[in-house]
Amino acid sequence: MTEQSQDDRQFNIQRIYTKDLSFESPNSPEIFTVEWKPSINVNLGTATKRLSDDHYEVVLTVTVTATQDDNTSFLAEVQQAGIFQIANIPDDEMGPMMGIFCPNILFPYAREVVTDLISRGSFPQFVLAPVNFEAIYLQQQAQKQGEKH
């Protein structure tokens, strides 16, 4: 089997789009009458789907939940997606491509949508901190290895 030349590799962004979004403020308007000292929880997830031989959809899901005194102030969830053309990449590099490289491209778009949703809900500005997708990917791989043993 011959190795792919670096020149044969292809990576193109075909489209970036918001696949789904949700915002809930189940305890409004009462939540606006108390001092704002929330506990914020951020969850991230990724999913990939092969569309054709060299086209893939990668979906980054960001869920932000703010609670205060056991009451949910808001829940914002965004699924930011992209369609990527990826060809001539060795199989051992596809995992990092889908789990690190593509989510890094999608994250700034998801951050902007999350910030906008929360602001439109009349809550103080919230900006997601940068995310190290490489560390998350490596942790997930280590967990998978641990489950196999």
N, C-alpha and C. Protein backbone atom coordinates (compact mmCIF):
# COMPACT_ATOMS: atom_id res chain seq x y z
N MET A 1 0.85 -1.18 0.00
CA MET A 1 0.00 0.00 0.00
C MET A 1 0.89 1.24 0.00
N THR A 2 0.58 2.21 -0.81
CA THR A 2 1.39 3.41 -0.91
C THR A 2 0.87 4.48 0.03
N GLU A 3 1.78 5.26 0.56
CA GLU A 3 1.39 6.37 1.43
C GLU A 3 0.90 7.53 0.59
N GLN A 4 -0.09 8.25 1.13
CA GLN A 4 -0.60 9.42 0.44
C GLN A 4 0.42 10.55 0.55
N SER A 5 0.65 11.24 -0.51
CA SER A 5 1.51 12.42 -0.50
C SER A 5 0.75 13.54 0.19
N GLN A 6 1.49 14.40 0.88
CA GLN A 6 0.87 15.56 1.52
C GLN A 6 0.11 16.39 0.49
N ASP A 7 0.59 16.40 -0.75
CA ASP A 7 -0.04 17.21 -1.80
C ASP A 7 -1.39 16.65 -2.24
N ASP A 8 -1.62 15.34 -2.03
CA ASP A 8 -2.88 14.71 -2.44
C ASP A 8 -4.00 14.95 -1.44
N ARG A 9 -3.64 15.34 -0.23
CA ARG A 9 -4.64 15.52 0.82
C ARG A 9 -5.57 16.69 0.48
N GLN A 10 -6.84 16.49 0.80
CA GLN A 10 -7.81 17.55 0.54
C GLN A 10 -8.64 17.81 1.79
N PHE A 11 -8.79 19.07 2.10
CA PHE A 11 -9.68 19.49 3.18
C PHE A 11 -10.32 20.79 2.73
N ASN A 12 -11.64 20.78 2.64
CA ASN A 12 -12.38 21.98 2.25
C ASN A 12 -13.62 22.10 3.11
N ILE A 13 -13.91 23.32 3.50
CA ILE A 13 -15.16 23.61 4.22
C ILE A 13 -16.22 23.86 3.16
N GLN A 14 -17.24 23.02 3.15
CA GLN A 14 -18.32 23.19 2.18
C GLN A 14 -19.41 24.13 2.71
N ARG A 15 -19.68 24.01 4.03
CA ARG A 15 -20.74 24.82 4.61
C ARG A 15 -20.63 24.77 6.13
N ILE A 16 -20.91 25.90 6.78
CA ILE A 16 -21.02 25.95 8.24
C ILE A 16 -22.40 26.53 8.54
N TYR A 17 -23.13 25.86 9.43
CA TYR A 17 -24.50 26.28 9.68
C TYR A 17 -24.94 25.91 11.09
N THR A 18 -25.95 26.61 11.57
CA THR A 18 -26.58 26.27 12.84
C THR A 18 -27.63 25.22 12.54
N LYS A 19 -27.43 24.02 13.09
CA LYS A 19 -28.33 22.90 12.82
C LYS A 19 -29.54 22.94 13.74
N ASP A 20 -29.32 23.33 15.00
CA ASP A 20 -30.41 23.37 15.96
C ASP A 20 -30.03 24.33 17.07
N LEU A 21 -31.01 25.01 17.63
CA LEU A 21 -30.74 25.83 18.81
C LEU A 21 -31.98 25.90 19.67
N SER A 22 -31.71 26.08 20.97
CA SER A 22 -32.79 26.10 21.94
C SER A 22 -32.40 27.03 23.08
N PHE A 23 -33.37 27.77 23.56
CA PHE A 23 -33.15 28.62 24.72
C PHE A 23 -34.39 28.53 25.60
N GLU A 24 -34.17 28.27 26.87
CA GLU A 24 -35.27 28.21 27.83
C GLU A 24 -34.90 29.04 29.05
N SER A 25 -35.88 29.75 29.56
CA SER A 25 -35.74 30.48 30.82
C SER A 25 -36.98 30.15 31.65
N PRO A 26 -37.00 28.94 32.23
CA PRO A 26 -38.23 28.44 32.84
C PRO A 26 -38.67 29.17 34.11
N ASN A 27 -37.77 29.91 34.73
CA ASN A 27 -38.15 30.59 35.97
C ASN A 27 -38.20 32.11 35.82
N SER A 28 -38.40 32.55 34.59
CA SER A 28 -38.58 33.99 34.40
C SER A 28 -40.07 34.31 34.55
N PRO A 29 -40.44 35.45 34.98
CA PRO A 29 -39.62 36.63 35.26
C PRO A 29 -39.04 36.65 36.67
N GLU A 30 -39.41 35.70 37.52
CA GLU A 30 -38.97 35.74 38.91
C GLU A 30 -37.44 35.74 39.04
N ILE A 31 -36.76 35.06 38.13
CA ILE A 31 -35.30 34.94 38.21
C ILE A 31 -34.63 36.32 38.08
N PHE A 32 -35.32 37.27 37.45
CA PHE A 32 -34.76 38.61 37.27
C PHE A 32 -34.90 39.48 38.52
N THR A 33 -35.61 38.99 39.52
CA THR A 33 -35.84 39.79 40.72
C THR A 33 -34.87 39.47 41.85
N VAL A 34 -33.95 38.54 41.60
CA VAL A 34 -32.96 38.17 42.63
C VAL A 34 -31.56 38.56 42.14
N GLU A 35 -30.63 38.66 43.10
CA GLU A 35 -29.25 39.01 42.74
C GLU A 35 -28.67 37.90 41.85
N TRP A 36 -27.96 38.32 40.80
CA TRP A 36 -27.43 37.39 39.80
C TRP A 36 -26.12 36.77 40.29
N LYS A 37 -26.20 35.56 40.82
CA LYS A 37 -25.03 34.80 41.26
C LYS A 37 -25.22 33.34 40.85
N PRO A 38 -25.20 33.09 39.54
CA PRO A 38 -25.53 31.75 39.06
C PRO A 38 -24.34 30.78 39.16
N SER A 39 -24.68 29.52 39.08
CA SER A 39 -23.71 28.46 38.85
C SER A 39 -23.87 28.09 37.38
N ILE A 40 -22.76 28.15 36.64
CA ILE A 40 -22.81 27.91 35.19
C ILE A 40 -22.16 26.56 34.89
N ASN A 41 -22.84 25.75 34.08
CA ASN A 41 -22.31 24.47 33.66
C ASN A 41 -22.29 24.44 32.13
N VAL A 42 -21.13 24.08 31.56
CA VAL A 42 -20.99 24.01 30.10
C VAL A 42 -20.65 22.58 29.72
N ASN A 43 -21.42 22.02 28.79
CA ASN A 43 -21.15 20.69 28.27
C ASN A 43 -20.93 20.78 26.77
N LEU A 44 -19.96 20.00 26.29
CA LEU A 44 -19.64 19.96 24.87
C LEU A 44 -19.75 18.53 24.36
N GLY A 45 -20.14 18.39 23.11
CA GLY A 45 -20.18 17.08 22.49
C GLY A 45 -20.00 17.23 20.99
N THR A 46 -19.49 16.18 20.36
CA THR A 46 -19.36 16.19 18.91
C THR A 46 -19.94 14.91 18.34
N ALA A 47 -20.42 15.01 17.13
CA ALA A 47 -20.92 13.85 16.40
C ALA A 47 -20.51 14.01 14.95
N THR A 48 -20.21 12.90 14.31
CA THR A 48 -19.85 12.94 12.89
C THR A 48 -20.73 11.98 12.11
N LYS A 49 -20.91 12.34 10.86
CA LYS A 49 -21.72 11.52 9.97
C LYS A 49 -21.10 11.58 8.57
N ARG A 50 -20.86 10.42 8.02
CA ARG A 50 -20.32 10.37 6.65
C ARG A 50 -21.47 10.60 5.67
N LEU A 51 -21.31 11.57 4.78
CA LEU A 51 -22.35 11.89 3.81
C LEU A 51 -22.10 11.22 2.46
N SER A 52 -20.83 11.09 2.10
CA SER A 52 -20.42 10.42 0.87
C SER A 52 -18.98 9.98 1.07
N ASP A 53 -18.34 9.53 0.01
CA ASP A 53 -16.96 9.05 0.14
C ASP A 53 -16.04 10.07 0.76
N ASP A 54 -16.22 11.33 0.42
CA ASP A 54 -15.28 12.33 0.93
C ASP A 54 -15.97 13.56 1.55
N HIS A 55 -17.23 13.43 1.92
CA HIS A 55 -17.95 14.52 2.58
C HIS A 55 -18.48 14.03 3.93
N TYR A 56 -18.25 14.87 4.95
CA TYR A 56 -18.63 14.52 6.32
C TYR A 56 -19.34 15.70 6.97
N GLU A 57 -20.34 15.39 7.80
CA GLU A 57 -20.95 16.40 8.63
C GLU A 57 -20.38 16.22 10.04
N VAL A 58 -19.91 17.31 10.61
CA VAL A 58 -19.46 17.31 12.00
C VAL A 58 -20.35 18.28 12.75
N VAL A 59 -20.90 17.83 13.88
CA VAL A 59 -21.81 18.66 14.68
C VAL A 59 -21.19 18.85 16.06
N LEU A 60 -21.01 20.10 16.43
CA LEU A 60 -20.54 20.46 17.77
C LEU A 60 -21.75 20.93 18.56
N THR A 61 -22.03 20.26 19.67
CA THR A 61 -23.15 20.64 20.53
C THR A 61 -22.60 21.31 21.78
N VAL A 62 -23.09 22.51 22.06
CA VAL A 62 -22.70 23.26 23.25
C VAL A 62 -23.97 23.51 24.06
N THR A 63 -23.93 23.07 25.33
CA THR A 63 -25.07 23.28 26.22
C THR A 63 -24.59 24.07 27.43
N VAL A 64 -25.23 25.20 27.68
CA VAL A 64 -24.89 26.05 28.82
C VAL A 64 -26.12 26.12 29.72
N THR A 65 -25.93 25.73 30.99
CA THR A 65 -27.02 25.77 31.96
C THR A 65 -26.61 26.67 33.12
N ALA A 66 -27.46 27.63 33.44
CA ALA A 66 -27.23 28.50 34.59
C ALA A 66 -28.30 28.19 35.63
N THR A 67 -27.86 27.90 36.85
CA THR A 67 -28.79 27.63 37.94
C THR A 67 -28.48 28.56 39.11
N GLN A 68 -29.52 28.83 39.85
CA GLN A 68 -29.39 29.69 41.02
C GLN A 68 -30.37 29.18 42.07
N ASP A 69 -29.87 28.84 43.24
CA ASP A 69 -30.73 28.32 44.32
C ASP A 69 -31.60 27.17 43.84
N ASP A 70 -31.00 26.22 43.15
CA ASP A 70 -31.70 25.03 42.63
C ASP A 70 -32.77 25.34 41.59
N ASN A 71 -32.77 26.56 41.07
CA ASN A 71 -33.69 26.93 40.00
C ASN A 71 -32.89 27.18 38.73
N THR A 72 -33.40 26.69 37.62
CA THR A 72 -32.73 26.93 36.34
C THR A 72 -33.02 28.35 35.89
N SER A 73 -31.96 29.12 35.73
CA SER A 73 -32.11 30.49 35.22
C SER A 73 -32.30 30.44 33.71
N PHE A 74 -31.39 29.72 33.04
CA PHE A 74 -31.54 29.50 31.61
C PHE A 74 -30.82 28.24 31.19
N LEU A 75 -31.24 27.74 30.04
CA LEU A 75 -30.60 26.62 29.39
C LEU A 75 -30.49 27.00 27.92
N ALA A 76 -29.26 27.08 27.43
CA ALA A 76 -29.02 27.42 26.02
C ALA A 76 -28.28 26.26 25.38
N GLU A 77 -28.80 25.78 24.26
CA GLU A 77 -28.13 24.70 23.55
C GLU A 77 -28.04 25.03 22.07
N VAL A 78 -26.84 24.83 21.52
CA VAL A 78 -26.59 25.12 20.12
C VAL A 78 -25.92 23.91 19.49
N GLN A 79 -26.40 23.52 18.32
CA GLN A 79 -25.72 22.53 17.51
C GLN A 79 -25.19 23.26 16.29
N GLN A 80 -23.88 23.47 16.29
CA GLN A 80 -23.21 24.14 15.18
C GLN A 80 -22.60 23.05 14.31
N ALA A 81 -22.92 23.08 13.03
CA ALA A 81 -22.50 21.99 12.14
C ALA A 81 -21.70 22.51 10.96
N GLY A 82 -20.99 21.59 10.37
CA GLY A 82 -20.24 21.90 9.16
C GLY A 82 -20.20 20.70 8.26
N ILE A 83 -20.17 20.97 6.97
CA ILE A 83 -19.95 19.92 5.99
C ILE A 83 -18.54 20.13 5.46
N PHE A 84 -17.73 19.09 5.57
CA PHE A 84 -16.33 19.16 5.20
C PHE A 84 -16.02 18.12 4.14
N GLN A 85 -15.27 18.54 3.12
CA GLN A 85 -14.76 17.61 2.14
C GLN A 85 -13.37 17.20 2.62
N ILE A 86 -13.19 15.92 2.85
CA ILE A 86 -11.93 15.40 3.36
C ILE A 86 -11.56 14.19 2.52
N ALA A 87 -10.42 14.27 1.85
CA ALA A 87 -10.02 13.17 0.97
C ALA A 87 -8.52 12.91 1.12
N ASN A 88 -8.17 11.66 0.92
CA ASN A 88 -6.77 11.23 0.92
C ASN A 88 -6.07 11.48 2.24
N ILE A 89 -6.82 11.33 3.33
CA ILE A 89 -6.26 11.44 4.67
C ILE A 89 -6.14 10.02 5.20
N PRO A 90 -4.98 9.63 5.72
CA PRO A 90 -4.84 8.27 6.26
C PRO A 90 -5.86 8.02 7.38
N ASP A 91 -6.32 6.76 7.47
CA ASP A 91 -7.34 6.39 8.46
C ASP A 91 -6.95 6.78 9.88
N ASP A 92 -5.67 6.65 10.22
CA ASP A 92 -5.25 6.95 11.59
C ASP A 92 -5.29 8.44 11.90
N GLU A 93 -5.46 9.28 10.88
CA GLU A 93 -5.56 10.73 11.09
C GLU A 93 -6.99 11.25 11.02
N MET A 94 -7.92 10.37 10.64
CA MET A 94 -9.32 10.82 10.52
C MET A 94 -9.94 11.11 11.89
N GLY A 95 -9.62 10.34 12.90
CA GLY A 95 -10.15 10.59 14.25
C GLY A 95 -9.80 11.98 14.73
N PRO A 96 -8.50 12.34 14.73
CA PRO A 96 -8.13 13.69 15.13
C PRO A 96 -8.74 14.78 14.23
N MET A 97 -8.89 14.47 12.94
CA MET A 97 -9.49 15.44 12.03
C MET A 97 -10.92 15.75 12.46
N MET A 98 -11.69 14.69 12.78
CA MET A 98 -13.10 14.85 13.16
C MET A 98 -13.26 15.32 14.60
N GLY A 99 -12.35 14.92 15.48
CA GLY A 99 -12.50 15.22 16.89
C GLY A 99 -11.77 16.45 17.39
N ILE A 100 -10.82 16.94 16.59
CA ILE A 100 -10.04 18.11 17.01
C ILE A 100 -10.14 19.24 15.99
N PHE A 101 -9.72 18.95 14.76
CA PHE A 101 -9.60 19.99 13.75
C PHE A 101 -10.95 20.61 13.38
N CYS A 102 -11.95 19.78 13.06
CA CYS A 102 -13.26 20.31 12.67
C CYS A 102 -13.96 21.04 13.83
N PRO A 103 -13.98 20.48 15.06
CA PRO A 103 -14.60 21.23 16.16
C PRO A 103 -13.91 22.57 16.42
N ASN A 104 -12.59 22.64 16.22
CA ASN A 104 -11.89 23.93 16.37
C ASN A 104 -12.40 24.96 15.37
N ILE A 105 -12.78 24.52 14.19
CA ILE A 105 -13.33 25.43 13.17
C ILE A 105 -14.74 25.87 13.58
N LEU A 106 -15.54 24.95 14.10
CA LEU A 106 -16.93 25.24 14.43
C LEU A 106 -17.10 26.05 15.70
N PHE A 107 -16.17 25.93 16.64
CA PHE A 107 -16.35 26.53 17.96
C PHE A 107 -16.59 28.04 17.95
N PRO A 108 -15.84 28.84 17.20
CA PRO A 108 -16.12 30.29 17.22
C PRO A 108 -17.55 30.64 16.78
N TYR A 109 -18.08 29.88 15.85
CA TYR A 109 -19.46 30.12 15.40
C TYR A 109 -20.44 29.77 16.52
N ALA A 110 -20.21 28.63 17.17
CA ALA A 110 -21.08 28.21 18.28
C ALA A 110 -21.01 29.22 19.43
N ARG A 111 -19.80 29.69 19.72
CA ARG A 111 -19.63 30.68 20.80
C ARG A 111 -20.45 31.93 20.52
N GLU A 112 -20.42 32.40 19.28
CA GLU A 112 -21.18 33.60 18.93
C GLU A 112 -22.68 33.38 19.09
N VAL A 113 -23.18 32.22 18.67
CA VAL A 113 -24.61 31.95 18.78
C VAL A 113 -25.02 31.84 20.25
N VAL A 114 -24.21 31.15 21.06
CA VAL A 114 -24.52 31.02 22.50
C VAL A 114 -24.57 32.39 23.16
N THR A 115 -23.56 33.22 22.89
CA THR A 115 -23.52 34.56 23.47
C THR A 115 -24.76 35.36 23.08
N ASP A 116 -25.15 35.27 21.82
CA ASP A 116 -26.32 36.00 21.34
C ASP A 116 -27.61 35.49 21.99
N LEU A 117 -27.76 34.17 22.09
CA LEU A 117 -28.97 33.61 22.72
C LEU A 117 -29.14 34.08 24.16
N ILE A 118 -28.04 34.01 24.92
CA ILE A 118 -28.11 34.39 26.33
C ILE A 118 -28.40 35.88 26.48
N SER A 119 -27.78 36.70 25.64
CA SER A 119 -28.05 38.15 25.69
C SER A 119 -29.50 38.45 25.33
N ARG A 120 -30.01 37.75 24.33
CA ARG A 120 -31.41 37.97 23.93
C ARG A 120 -32.38 37.52 25.01
N GLY A 121 -31.94 36.62 25.88
CA GLY A 121 -32.76 36.21 27.01
C GLY A 121 -32.72 37.21 28.16
N SER A 122 -31.99 38.31 27.96
CA SER A 122 -31.88 39.41 28.91
C SER A 122 -31.00 39.07 30.11
N PHE A 123 -30.07 38.14 29.90
CA PHE A 123 -29.12 37.80 30.96
C PHE A 123 -27.80 38.51 30.68
N PRO A 124 -26.96 38.66 31.72
CA PRO A 124 -25.66 39.31 31.51
C PRO A 124 -24.84 38.57 30.45
N GLN A 125 -23.99 39.32 29.78
CA GLN A 125 -23.18 38.74 28.70
C GLN A 125 -22.40 37.54 29.21
N PHE A 126 -22.39 36.50 28.38
CA PHE A 126 -21.66 35.28 28.68
C PHE A 126 -20.87 34.90 27.44
N VAL A 127 -19.57 34.74 27.57
CA VAL A 127 -18.72 34.33 26.46
C VAL A 127 -18.01 33.04 26.86
N LEU A 128 -18.15 32.03 26.04
CA LEU A 128 -17.50 30.76 26.31
C LEU A 128 -15.99 30.92 26.29
N ALA A 129 -15.32 30.30 27.24
CA ALA A 129 -13.86 30.29 27.27
C ALA A 129 -13.34 29.40 26.15
N PRO A 130 -12.11 29.65 25.70
CA PRO A 130 -11.52 28.77 24.67
C PRO A 130 -11.52 27.31 25.15
N VAL A 131 -11.58 26.40 24.19
CA VAL A 131 -11.64 24.97 24.49
C VAL A 131 -10.46 24.28 23.82
N ASN A 132 -9.84 23.37 24.55
CA ASN A 132 -8.74 22.56 24.02
C ASN A 132 -9.33 21.24 23.54
N PHE A 133 -9.73 21.19 22.26
CA PHE A 133 -10.35 19.99 21.73
C PHE A 133 -9.36 18.83 21.64
N GLU A 134 -8.09 19.14 21.52
CA GLU A 134 -7.09 18.07 21.48
C GLU A 134 -7.07 17.33 22.83
N ALA A 135 -7.08 18.07 23.93
CA ALA A 135 -7.08 17.45 25.25
C ALA A 135 -8.35 16.61 25.45
N ILE A 136 -9.48 17.13 25.02
CA ILE A 136 -10.75 16.39 25.14
C ILE A 136 -10.69 15.10 24.33
N TYR A 137 -10.20 15.20 23.10
CA TYR A 137 -10.10 14.04 22.22
C TYR A 137 -9.18 12.98 22.83
N LEU A 138 -8.02 13.40 23.32
CA LEU A 138 -7.07 12.45 23.92
C LEU A 138 -7.66 11.80 25.16
N GLN A 139 -8.40 12.56 25.95
CA GLN A 139 -9.06 11.99 27.14
C GLN A 139 -10.10 10.95 26.74
N GLN A 140 -10.88 11.25 25.70
CA GLN A 140 -11.88 10.29 25.22
C GLN A 140 -11.22 9.02 24.70
N GLN A 141 -10.10 9.17 24.00
CA GLN A 141 -9.39 8.00 23.48
C GLN A 141 -8.84 7.15 24.63
N ALA A 142 -8.33 7.80 25.67
CA ALA A 142 -7.81 7.08 26.83
C ALA A 142 -8.94 6.31 27.52
N GLN A 143 -10.12 6.93 27.62
CA GLN A 143 -11.27 6.27 28.24
C GLN A 143 -11.68 5.04 27.42
N LYS A 144 -11.67 5.19 26.10
CA LYS A 144 -12.03 4.05 25.23
C LYS A 144 -11.04 2.91 25.40
N GLN A 145 -9.75 3.25 25.50
CA GLN A 145 -8.73 2.21 25.71
C GLN A 145 -8.94 1.52 27.04
N GLY A 146 -9.28 2.29 28.08
CA GLY A 146 -9.53 1.73 29.40
C GLY A 146 -10.73 0.79 29.42
N GLU A 147 -11.75 1.10 28.61
CA GLU A 147 -12.95 0.26 28.54
C GLU A 147 -12.66 -1.05 27.83
N LYS A 148 -11.69 -1.05 26.91
CA LYS A 148 -11.36 -2.27 26.16
C LYS A 148 -10.62 -3.29 27.00
N HIS A 149 -9.98 -2.83 28.08
CA HIS A 149 -9.17 -3.73 28.92
C HIS A 149 -9.94 -4.31 30.05
